[in-house]
């Protein structure tokens, strides 16, 4: 279904149904934010604990992979 078709369908909904649809879409758009924030916090804790790669090491690995066609 295209966006234009969705818009047509939404325009035919009652104001109440449009309200609930807007709330549903808002929820869908923000549902993963908490999980993503928790994942970022965990990664930051790992980095603070020493689990990190120096930039020059990263660049060397990147160059090696690029040369290998990966």
N, C-alpha and C. Protein backbone atom coordinates (compact mmCIF):
# COMPACT_ATOMS: atom_id res chain seq x y z
N UNK A 1 0.85 -1.17 0.00
CA UNK A 1 0.00 0.00 0.00
C UNK A 1 0.90 1.24 0.00
N UNK A 2 0.59 2.17 -0.84
CA UNK A 2 1.41 3.37 -0.95
C UNK A 2 1.03 4.38 0.13
N UNK A 3 1.89 5.37 0.30
CA UNK A 3 1.62 6.44 1.26
C UNK A 3 0.36 7.19 0.86
N UNK A 4 0.19 7.42 -0.43
CA UNK A 4 -1.01 8.12 -0.90
C UNK A 4 -2.27 7.33 -0.54
N UNK A 5 -2.22 6.02 -0.70
CA UNK A 5 -3.37 5.18 -0.34
C UNK A 5 -3.61 5.21 1.17
N UNK A 6 -2.54 5.19 1.93
CA UNK A 6 -2.70 5.28 3.38
C UNK A 6 -3.34 6.60 3.79
N UNK A 7 -2.89 7.69 3.16
CA UNK A 7 -3.47 9.00 3.46
C UNK A 7 -4.96 9.02 3.16
N UNK A 8 -5.35 8.43 2.04
CA UNK A 8 -6.77 8.36 1.69
C UNK A 8 -7.55 7.62 2.76
N UNK A 9 -7.01 6.50 3.21
CA UNK A 9 -7.68 5.71 4.23
C UNK A 9 -7.79 6.48 5.55
N UNK A 10 -6.71 7.16 5.93
CA UNK A 10 -6.71 7.93 7.17
C UNK A 10 -7.72 9.05 7.10
N UNK A 11 -7.83 9.70 5.96
CA UNK A 11 -8.78 10.79 5.79
C UNK A 11 -10.22 10.31 5.98
N UNK A 12 -10.47 9.04 5.75
CA UNK A 12 -11.83 8.50 5.89
C UNK A 12 -12.14 8.06 7.32
N UNK A 13 -11.13 8.03 8.18
CA UNK A 13 -11.34 7.61 9.57
C UNK A 13 -12.00 8.72 10.37
N UNK A 14 -12.67 8.31 11.43
CA UNK A 14 -13.23 9.29 12.36
C UNK A 14 -12.09 10.00 13.08
N UNK A 15 -12.39 11.13 13.68
CA UNK A 15 -11.37 11.88 14.43
C UNK A 15 -10.81 11.01 15.56
N UNK A 16 -11.67 10.24 16.20
CA UNK A 16 -11.22 9.38 17.30
C UNK A 16 -10.26 8.31 16.79
N UNK A 17 -10.59 7.67 15.67
CA UNK A 17 -9.70 6.66 15.10
C UNK A 17 -8.38 7.28 14.63
N UNK A 18 -8.44 8.50 14.10
CA UNK A 18 -7.21 9.17 13.69
C UNK A 18 -6.33 9.45 14.91
N UNK A 19 -6.95 9.82 16.01
CA UNK A 19 -6.22 10.07 17.25
C UNK A 19 -5.50 8.80 17.70
N UNK A 20 -6.23 7.67 17.72
CA UNK A 20 -5.62 6.42 18.15
C UNK A 20 -4.54 5.96 17.17
N UNK A 21 -4.74 6.20 15.89
CA UNK A 21 -3.72 5.87 14.90
C UNK A 21 -2.47 6.71 15.13
N UNK A 22 -2.64 7.99 15.40
CA UNK A 22 -1.48 8.86 15.68
C UNK A 22 -0.73 8.37 16.91
N UNK A 23 -1.46 7.97 17.94
CA UNK A 23 -0.82 7.46 19.16
C UNK A 23 -0.07 6.17 18.86
N UNK A 24 -0.67 5.31 18.06
CA UNK A 24 -0.03 4.04 17.69
C UNK A 24 1.26 4.30 16.91
N UNK A 25 1.19 5.20 15.92
CA UNK A 25 2.39 5.51 15.13
C UNK A 25 3.48 6.14 16.00
N UNK A 26 3.09 7.01 16.91
CA UNK A 26 4.06 7.62 17.82
C UNK A 26 4.73 6.53 18.65
N UNK A 27 3.95 5.60 19.15
CA UNK A 27 4.50 4.48 19.93
C UNK A 27 5.47 3.66 19.08
N UNK A 28 5.07 3.34 17.85
CA UNK A 28 5.93 2.53 16.97
C UNK A 28 7.26 3.23 16.70
N UNK A 29 7.21 4.55 16.52
CA UNK A 29 8.42 5.30 16.21
C UNK A 29 9.38 5.36 17.39
N UNK A 30 8.85 5.31 18.61
CA UNK A 30 9.68 5.49 19.79
C UNK A 30 9.84 4.22 20.62
N UNK A 31 9.32 3.10 20.14
CA UNK A 31 9.33 1.87 20.92
C UNK A 31 10.74 1.37 21.21
N UNK A 32 11.67 1.60 20.32
CA UNK A 32 13.02 1.05 20.50
C UNK A 32 13.98 2.01 21.18
N UNK A 33 13.54 3.22 21.47
CA UNK A 33 14.46 4.20 22.04
C UNK A 33 15.05 3.75 23.37
N UNK A 34 14.23 3.15 24.24
CA UNK A 34 14.73 2.71 25.54
C UNK A 34 15.75 1.59 25.36
N UNK A 35 15.44 0.64 24.50
CA UNK A 35 16.37 -0.47 24.26
C UNK A 35 17.67 0.05 23.65
N UNK A 36 17.57 1.01 22.74
CA UNK A 36 18.77 1.57 22.12
C UNK A 36 19.60 2.34 23.13
N UNK A 37 18.94 3.07 24.02
CA UNK A 37 19.66 3.82 25.05
C UNK A 37 20.36 2.86 26.00
N UNK A 38 19.69 1.76 26.36
CA UNK A 38 20.30 0.76 27.25
C UNK A 38 21.50 0.11 26.57
N UNK A 39 21.38 -0.19 25.28
CA UNK A 39 22.48 -0.78 24.53
C UNK A 39 23.67 0.17 24.49
N UNK A 40 23.40 1.45 24.25
CA UNK A 40 24.46 2.45 24.21
C UNK A 40 25.15 2.56 25.58
N UNK A 41 24.36 2.55 26.65
CA UNK A 41 24.94 2.60 28.01
C UNK A 41 25.86 1.41 28.25
N UNK A 42 25.43 0.23 27.83
CA UNK A 42 26.25 -0.97 28.02
C UNK A 42 27.54 -0.87 27.22
N UNK A 43 27.46 -0.39 26.00
CA UNK A 43 28.66 -0.23 25.18
C UNK A 43 29.61 0.79 25.81
N UNK A 44 29.06 1.86 26.36
CA UNK A 44 29.90 2.87 27.01
C UNK A 44 30.58 2.27 28.24
N UNK A 45 29.86 1.45 29.01
CA UNK A 45 30.47 0.79 30.18
C UNK A 45 31.62 -0.12 29.74
N UNK A 46 31.41 -0.85 28.65
CA UNK A 46 32.46 -1.72 28.13
C UNK A 46 33.68 -0.91 27.72
N UNK A 47 33.45 0.22 27.05
CA UNK A 47 34.57 1.05 26.64
C UNK A 47 35.28 1.65 27.84
N UNK A 48 34.51 2.08 28.84
CA UNK A 48 35.11 2.62 30.06
C UNK A 48 35.94 1.56 30.77
N UNK A 49 35.56 0.29 30.58
CA UNK A 49 36.29 -0.81 31.18
C UNK A 49 37.50 -1.24 30.36
N UNK A 50 37.78 -0.54 29.27
CA UNK A 50 38.97 -0.83 28.48
C UNK A 50 38.71 -1.58 27.19
N UNK A 51 37.47 -1.93 26.92
CA UNK A 51 37.14 -2.66 25.70
C UNK A 51 36.98 -1.67 24.55
N UNK A 52 38.12 -1.27 23.97
CA UNK A 52 38.08 -0.33 22.87
C UNK A 52 39.24 -0.58 21.92
N UNK A 53 39.19 0.05 20.78
CA UNK A 53 40.21 -0.11 19.75
C UNK A 53 40.77 1.27 19.44
N UNK A 54 42.08 1.36 19.36
CA UNK A 54 42.71 2.62 19.00
C UNK A 54 42.36 2.98 17.56
N UNK A 55 42.28 4.27 17.27
CA UNK A 55 41.92 4.73 15.93
C UNK A 55 42.89 4.18 14.89
N UNK A 56 44.17 4.22 15.18
CA UNK A 56 45.14 3.73 14.18
C UNK A 56 44.96 2.24 13.91
N UNK A 57 44.55 1.47 14.92
CA UNK A 57 44.29 0.05 14.73
C UNK A 57 43.03 -0.14 13.89
N UNK A 58 42.01 0.62 14.19
CA UNK A 58 40.78 0.56 13.42
C UNK A 58 41.05 0.89 11.95
N UNK A 59 41.81 1.95 11.70
CA UNK A 59 42.10 2.36 10.33
C UNK A 59 42.89 1.29 9.60
N UNK A 60 43.83 0.65 10.28
CA UNK A 60 44.60 -0.42 9.64
C UNK A 60 43.70 -1.59 9.27
N UNK A 61 42.82 -1.98 10.19
CA UNK A 61 41.89 -3.07 9.92
C UNK A 61 40.97 -2.70 8.76
N UNK A 62 40.48 -1.47 8.76
CA UNK A 62 39.61 -0.99 7.69
C UNK A 62 40.32 -1.04 6.34
N UNK A 63 41.55 -0.58 6.30
CA UNK A 63 42.33 -0.61 5.06
C UNK A 63 42.57 -2.05 4.59
N UNK A 64 42.90 -2.94 5.52
CA UNK A 64 43.11 -4.34 5.17
C UNK A 64 41.84 -4.97 4.58
N UNK A 65 40.71 -4.66 5.20
CA UNK A 65 39.45 -5.19 4.69
C UNK A 65 39.11 -4.61 3.32
N UNK A 66 39.37 -3.32 3.14
CA UNK A 66 39.10 -2.68 1.85
C UNK A 66 39.98 -3.30 0.76
N UNK A 67 41.23 -3.57 1.08
CA UNK A 67 42.14 -4.20 0.11
C UNK A 67 41.67 -5.61 -0.24
N UNK A 68 41.07 -6.30 0.73
CA UNK A 68 40.57 -7.65 0.51
C UNK A 68 39.21 -7.64 -0.20
N UNK A 69 38.64 -6.45 -0.39
CA UNK A 69 37.36 -6.35 -1.08
C UNK A 69 36.17 -6.60 -0.19
N UNK A 70 36.36 -6.48 1.11
CA UNK A 70 35.27 -6.72 2.06
C UNK A 70 34.64 -5.42 2.45
